[in-house]
Amino acid sequence: MGGGYNMEYLLVLVFVFLGLLLVCVPRPRKRSMLTPEQEAKQKKKLRKQKAHAAKLKASRK
């Protein structure tokens, strides 16, 4: 009696598998397309932010 549901079960399993693939496999990320000057600016800005954060942390102690 239950033999007619094989295709439906298979379809559900396929969708569950595809859903797991979507959730578990990370998407490739775009590399930031920066010129060398922009990259240097960004690094300098990041260094400034880190120094500022360290200064704040030291002043709180």
PDB file of N, CA and C in Angstrom:
ATOM      1  N   MET A   1       0.799  -1.203   0.000  1.00  0.00           N
ATOM      2  CA  MET A   1       0.000   0.000   0.000  1.00  0.00           C
ATOM      3  C   MET A   1       0.846   1.274   0.000  1.00  0.00           C
ATOM      4  N   GLY A   2       1.968   1.280   0.687  1.00  0.00           N
ATOM      5  CA  GLY A   2       2.765   2.483   0.793  1.00  0.00           C
ATOM      6  C   GLY A   2       3.781   2.632  -0.317  1.00  0.00           C
ATOM      7  N   GLY A   3       3.696   1.890  -1.388  1.00  0.00           N
ATOM      8  CA  GLY A   3       4.697   1.922  -2.440  1.00  0.00           C
ATOM      9  C   GLY A   3       4.617   3.124  -3.347  1.00  0.00           C
ATOM     10  N   GLY A   4       3.534   3.870  -3.341  1.00  0.00           N
ATOM     11  CA  GLY A   4       3.352   4.986  -4.248  1.00  0.00           C
ATOM     12  C   GLY A   4       4.053   6.262  -3.816  1.00  0.00           C
ATOM     13  N   TYR A   5       4.613   6.265  -2.609  1.00  0.00           N
ATOM     14  CA  TYR A   5       5.208   7.489  -2.080  1.00  0.00           C
ATOM     15  C   TYR A   5       6.724   7.559  -2.262  1.00  0.00           C
ATOM     16  N   ASN A   6       7.294   6.613  -2.971  1.00  0.00           N
ATOM     17  CA  ASN A   6       8.751   6.588  -3.119  1.00  0.00           C
ATOM     18  C   ASN A   6       9.297   7.849  -3.780  1.00  0.00           C
ATOM     19  N   MET A   7       8.640   8.306  -4.836  1.00  0.00           N
ATOM     20  CA  MET A   7       9.128   9.491  -5.543  1.00  0.00           C
ATOM     21  C   MET A   7       8.998  10.748  -4.676  1.00  0.00           C
ATOM     22  N   GLU A   8       7.925  10.815  -3.898  1.00  0.00           N
ATOM     23  CA  GLU A   8       7.745  11.971  -3.022  1.00  0.00           C
ATOM     24  C   GLU A   8       8.828  12.007  -1.948  1.00  0.00           C
ATOM     25  N   TYR A   9       9.122  10.850  -1.357  1.00  0.00           N
ATOM     26  CA  TYR A   9      10.187  10.786  -0.348  1.00  0.00           C
ATOM     27  C   TYR A   9      11.533  11.176  -0.958  1.00  0.00           C
ATOM     28  N   LEU A  10      11.791  10.690  -2.158  1.00  0.00           N
ATOM     29  CA  LEU A  10      13.034  11.020  -2.839  1.00  0.00           C
ATOM     30  C   LEU A  10      13.121  12.531  -3.098  1.00  0.00           C
ATOM     31  N   LEU A  11      12.022  13.119  -3.532  1.00  0.00           N
ATOM     32  CA  LEU A  11      11.987  14.550  -3.798  1.00  0.00           C
ATOM     33  C   LEU A  11      12.251  15.350  -2.514  1.00  0.00           C
ATOM     34  N   VAL A  12      11.638  14.935  -1.417  1.00  0.00           N
ATOM     35  CA  VAL A  12      11.853  15.616  -0.138  1.00  0.00           C
ATOM     36  C   VAL A  12      13.311  15.480   0.279  1.00  0.00           C
ATOM     37  N   LEU A  13      13.882  14.302   0.152  1.00  0.00           N
ATOM     38  CA  LEU A  13      15.286  14.092   0.510  1.00  0.00           C
ATOM     39  C   LEU A  13      16.218  14.952  -0.341  1.00  0.00           C
ATOM     40  N   VAL A  14      15.908  15.085  -1.617  1.00  0.00           N
ATOM     41  CA  VAL A  14      16.732  15.914  -2.498  1.00  0.00           C
ATOM     42  C   VAL A  14      16.673  17.371  -2.052  1.00  0.00           C
ATOM     43  N   PHE A  15      15.476  17.863  -1.736  1.00  0.00           N
ATOM     44  CA  PHE A  15      15.355  19.251  -1.283  1.00  0.00           C
ATOM     45  C   PHE A  15      16.050  19.471   0.053  1.00  0.00           C
ATOM     46  N   VAL A  16      15.963  18.512   0.960  1.00  0.00           N
ATOM     47  CA  VAL A  16      16.655  18.632   2.248  1.00  0.00           C
ATOM     48  C   VAL A  16      18.158  18.659   2.014  1.00  0.00           C
ATOM     49  N   PHE A  17      18.660  17.804   1.150  1.00  0.00           N
ATOM     50  CA  PHE A  17      20.084  17.763   0.842  1.00  0.00           C
ATOM     51  C   PHE A  17      20.552  19.081   0.224  1.00  0.00           C
ATOM     52  N   LEU A  18      19.771  19.616  -0.719  1.00  0.00           N
ATOM     53  CA  LEU A  18      20.138  20.892  -1.340  1.00  0.00           C
ATOM     54  C   LEU A  18      20.102  22.024  -0.313  1.00  0.00           C
ATOM     55  N   GLY A  19      19.148  21.988   0.597  1.00  0.00           N
ATOM     56  CA  GLY A  19      19.083  22.994   1.652  1.00  0.00           C
ATOM     57  C   GLY A  19      20.302  22.929   2.548  1.00  0.00           C
ATOM     58  N   LEU A  20      20.717  21.723   2.898  1.00  0.00           N
ATOM     59  CA  LEU A  20      21.914  21.563   3.719  1.00  0.00           C
ATOM     60  C   LEU A  20      23.147  22.085   2.988  1.00  0.00           C
ATOM     61  N   LEU A  21      23.223  21.831   1.696  1.00  0.00           N
ATOM     62  CA  LEU A  21      24.350  22.346   0.921  1.00  0.00           C
ATOM     63  C   LEU A  21      24.370  23.872   0.946  1.00  0.00           C
ATOM     64  N   LEU A  22      23.193  24.480   0.790  1.00  0.00           N
ATOM     65  CA  LEU A  22      23.137  25.946   0.798  1.00  0.00           C
ATOM     66  C   LEU A  22      23.572  26.515   2.138  1.00  0.00           C
ATOM     67  N   VAL A  23      23.204  25.843   3.221  1.00  0.00           N
ATOM     68  CA  VAL A  23      23.514  26.355   4.550  1.00  0.00           C
ATOM     69  C   VAL A  23      24.964  26.072   4.936  1.00  0.00           C
ATOM     70  N   CYS A  24      25.455  24.902   4.606  1.00  0.00           N
ATOM     71  CA  CYS A  24      26.754  24.457   5.128  1.00  0.00           C
ATOM     72  C   CYS A  24      27.952  24.852   4.284  1.00  0.00           C
ATOM     73  N   VAL A  25      27.781  25.037   2.991  1.00  0.00           N
ATOM     74  CA  VAL A  25      28.920  25.359   2.128  1.00  0.00           C
ATOM     75  C   VAL A  25      29.049  26.876   2.042  1.00  0.00           C
ATOM     76  N   PRO A  26      30.202  27.419   2.448  1.00  0.00           N
ATOM     77  CA  PRO A  26      30.355  28.875   2.415  1.00  0.00           C
ATOM     78  C   PRO A  26      30.441  29.394   0.983  1.00  0.00           C
ATOM     79  N   ARG A  27      29.906  30.601   0.797  1.00  0.00           N
ATOM     80  CA  ARG A  27      29.981  31.224  -0.524  1.00  0.00           C
ATOM     81  C   ARG A  27      31.358  31.841  -0.707  1.00  0.00           C
ATOM     82  N   PRO A  28      31.891  31.784  -1.904  1.00  0.00           N
ATOM     83  CA  PRO A  28      33.178  32.472  -2.141  1.00  0.00           C
ATOM     84  C   PRO A  28      32.972  33.975  -2.039  1.00  0.00           C
ATOM     85  N   ARG A  29      33.902  34.645  -1.400  1.00  0.00           N
ATOM     86  CA  ARG A  29      33.785  36.090  -1.214  1.00  0.00           C
ATOM     87  C   ARG A  29      34.576  36.819  -2.288  1.00  0.00           C
ATOM     88  N   LYS A  30      34.082  37.987  -2.637  1.00  0.00           N
ATOM     89  CA  LYS A  30      34.791  38.815  -3.608  1.00  0.00           C
ATOM     90  C   LYS A  30      36.031  39.401  -2.944  1.00  0.00           C
ATOM     91  N   ARG A  31      37.088  39.439  -3.680  1.00  0.00           N
ATOM     92  CA  ARG A  31      38.271  40.138  -3.187  1.00  0.00           C
ATOM     93  C   ARG A  31      38.020  41.620  -3.339  1.00  0.00           C
ATOM     94  N   SER A  32      38.528  42.364  -2.396  1.00  0.00           N
ATOM     95  CA  SER A  32      38.327  43.812  -2.508  1.00  0.00           C
ATOM     96  C   SER A  32      39.190  44.327  -3.655  1.00  0.00           C
ATOM     97  N   MET A  33      38.550  45.041  -4.526  1.00  0.00           N
ATOM     98  CA  MET A  33      39.240  45.551  -5.713  1.00  0.00           C
ATOM     99  C   MET A  33      39.776  46.948  -5.408  1.00  0.00           C
ATOM    100  N   LEU A  34      40.921  47.014  -4.755  1.00  0.00           N
ATOM    101  CA  LEU A  34      41.499  48.287  -4.382  1.00  0.00           C
ATOM    102  C   LEU A  34      42.805  48.511  -5.131  1.00  0.00           C
ATOM    103  N   THR A  35      43.055  49.754  -5.427  1.00  0.00           N
ATOM    104  CA  THR A  35      44.349  50.106  -6.003  1.00  0.00           C
ATOM    105  C   THR A  35      45.374  50.090  -4.879  1.00  0.00           C
ATOM    106  N   PRO A  36      46.647  50.025  -5.189  1.00  0.00           N
ATOM    107  CA  PRO A  36      47.665  50.021  -4.133  1.00  0.00           C
ATOM    108  C   PRO A  36      47.583  51.244  -3.213  1.00  0.00           C
ATOM    109  N   GLU A  37      47.224  52.398  -3.767  1.00  0.00           N
ATOM    110  CA  GLU A  37      47.100  53.607  -2.937  1.00  0.00           C
ATOM    111  C   GLU A  37      45.940  53.466  -1.956  1.00  0.00           C
ATOM    112  N   GLN A  38      44.815  52.955  -2.454  1.00  0.00           N
ATOM    113  CA  GLN A  38      43.652  52.764  -1.587  1.00  0.00           C
ATOM    114  C   GLN A  38      43.948  51.721  -0.510  1.00  0.00           C
ATOM    115  N   GLU A  39      44.679  50.687  -0.895  1.00  0.00           N
ATOM    116  CA  GLU A  39      45.049  49.640   0.061  1.00  0.00           C
ATOM    117  C   GLU A  39      45.922  50.218   1.177  1.00  0.00           C
ATOM    118  N   ALA A  40      46.888  51.061   0.799  1.00  0.00           N
ATOM    119  CA  ALA A  40      47.766  51.684   1.785  1.00  0.00           C
ATOM    120  C   ALA A  40      46.966  52.598   2.717  1.00  0.00           C
ATOM    121  N   LYS A  41      46.015  53.351   2.142  1.00  0.00           N
ATOM    122  CA  LYS A  41      45.152  54.218   2.947  1.00  0.00           C
ATOM    123  C   LYS A  41      44.357  53.397   3.955  1.00  0.00           C
ATOM    124  N   GLN A  42      43.810  52.291   3.477  1.00  0.00           N
ATOM    125  CA  GLN A  42      42.982  51.440   4.338  1.00  0.00           C
ATOM    126  C   GLN A  42      43.817  50.845   5.474  1.00  0.00           C
ATOM    127  N   LYS A  43      45.036  50.404   5.163  1.00  0.00           N
ATOM    128  CA  LYS A  43      45.915  49.848   6.193  1.00  0.00           C
ATOM    129  C   LYS A  43      46.271  50.910   7.233  1.00  0.00           C
ATOM    130  N   LYS A  44      46.540  52.130   6.743  1.00  0.00           N
ATOM    131  CA  LYS A  44      46.889  53.224   7.648  1.00  0.00           C
ATOM    132  C   LYS A  44      45.710  53.542   8.569  1.00  0.00           C
ATOM    133  N   LYS A  45      44.518  53.570   7.997  1.00  0.00           N
ATOM    134  CA  LYS A  45      43.313  53.855   8.773  1.00  0.00           C
ATOM    135  C   LYS A  45      43.090  52.760   9.820  1.00  0.00           C
ATOM    136  N   LEU A  46      43.295  51.516   9.430  1.00  0.00           N
ATOM    137  CA  LEU A  46      43.124  50.397  10.355  1.00  0.00           C
ATOM    138  C   LEU A  46      44.138  50.475  11.492  1.00  0.00           C
ATOM    139  N   ARG A  47      45.389  50.822  11.163  1.00  0.00           N
ATOM    140  CA  ARG A  47      46.410  50.972  12.209  1.00  0.00           C
ATOM    141  C   ARG A  47      46.024  52.063  13.189  1.00  0.00           C
ATOM    142  N   LYS A  48      45.486  53.183  12.665  1.00  0.00           N
ATOM    143  CA  LYS A  48      45.042  54.290  13.514  1.00  0.00           C
ATOM    144  C   LYS A  48      43.933  53.834  14.462  1.00  0.00           C
ATOM    145  N   GLN A  49      42.970  53.097  13.906  1.00  0.00           N
ATOM    146  CA  GLN A  49      41.856  52.618  14.724  1.00  0.00           C
ATOM    147  C   GLN A  49      42.344  51.684  15.825  1.00  0.00           C
ATOM    148  N   LYS A  50      43.279  50.809  15.490  1.00  0.00           N
ATOM    149  CA  LYS A  50      43.815  49.875  16.487  1.00  0.00           C
ATOM    150  C   LYS A  50      44.563  50.627  17.582  1.00  0.00           C
ATOM    151  N   ALA A  51      45.347  51.628  17.180  1.00  0.00           N
ATOM    152  CA  ALA A  51      46.098  52.415  18.154  1.00  0.00           C
ATOM    153  C   ALA A  51      45.144  53.177  19.066  1.00  0.00           C
ATOM    154  N   HIS A  52      44.087  53.724  18.482  1.00  0.00           N
ATOM    155  CA  HIS A  52      43.103  54.463  19.267  1.00  0.00           C
ATOM    156  C   HIS A  52      42.395  53.532  20.260  1.00  0.00           C
ATOM    157  N   ALA A  53      42.031  52.338  19.804  1.00  0.00           N
ATOM    158  CA  ALA A  53      41.374  51.365  20.677  1.00  0.00           C
ATOM    159  C   ALA A  53      42.312  50.945  21.813  1.00  0.00           C
ATOM    160  N   ALA A  54      43.575  50.754  21.500  1.00  0.00           N
ATOM    161  CA  ALA A  54      44.541  50.370  22.533  1.00  0.00           C
ATOM    162  C   ALA A  54      44.708  51.487  23.551  1.00  0.00           C
ATOM    163  N   LYS A  55      44.720  52.741  23.071  1.00  0.00           N
ATOM    164  CA  LYS A  55      44.856  53.883  23.960  1.00  0.00           C
ATOM    165  C   LYS A  55      43.655  53.974  24.903  1.00  0.00           C
ATOM    166  N   LEU A  56      42.448  53.775  24.346  1.00  0.00           N
ATOM    167  CA  LEU A  56      41.240  53.796  25.178  1.00  0.00           C
ATOM    168  C   LEU A  56      41.261  52.686  26.229  1.00  0.00           C
ATOM    169  N   LYS A  57      41.691  51.519  25.802  1.00  0.00           N
ATOM    170  CA  LYS A  57      41.744  50.371  26.717  1.00  0.00           C
ATOM    171  C   LYS A  57      42.736  50.645  27.852  1.00  0.00           C
ATOM    172  N   ALA A  58      43.873  51.241  27.505  1.00  0.00           N
ATOM    173  CA  ALA A  58      44.889  51.542  28.517  1.00  0.00           C
ATOM    174  C   ALA A  58      44.389  52.613  29.484  1.00  0.00           C
ATOM    175  N   SER A  59      43.615  53.569  28.995  1.00  0.00           N
ATOM    176  CA  SER A  59      43.132  54.648  29.874  1.00  0.00           C
ATOM    177  C   SER A  59      42.044  54.163  30.827  1.00  0.00           C
ATOM    178  N   ARG A  60      41.364  53.080  30.461  1.00  0.00           N
ATOM    179  CA  ARG A  60      40.304  52.542  31.318  1.00  0.00           C
ATOM    180  C   ARG A  60      40.843  51.769  32.504  1.00  0.00           C
ATOM    181  N   LYS A  61      42.063  51.295  32.395  1.00  0.00           N
ATOM    182  CA  LYS A  61      42.639  50.469  33.465  1.00  0.00           C
ATOM    183  C   LYS A  61      43.045  51.287  34.659  1.00  0.00           C
TER     184      LYS A  61
END
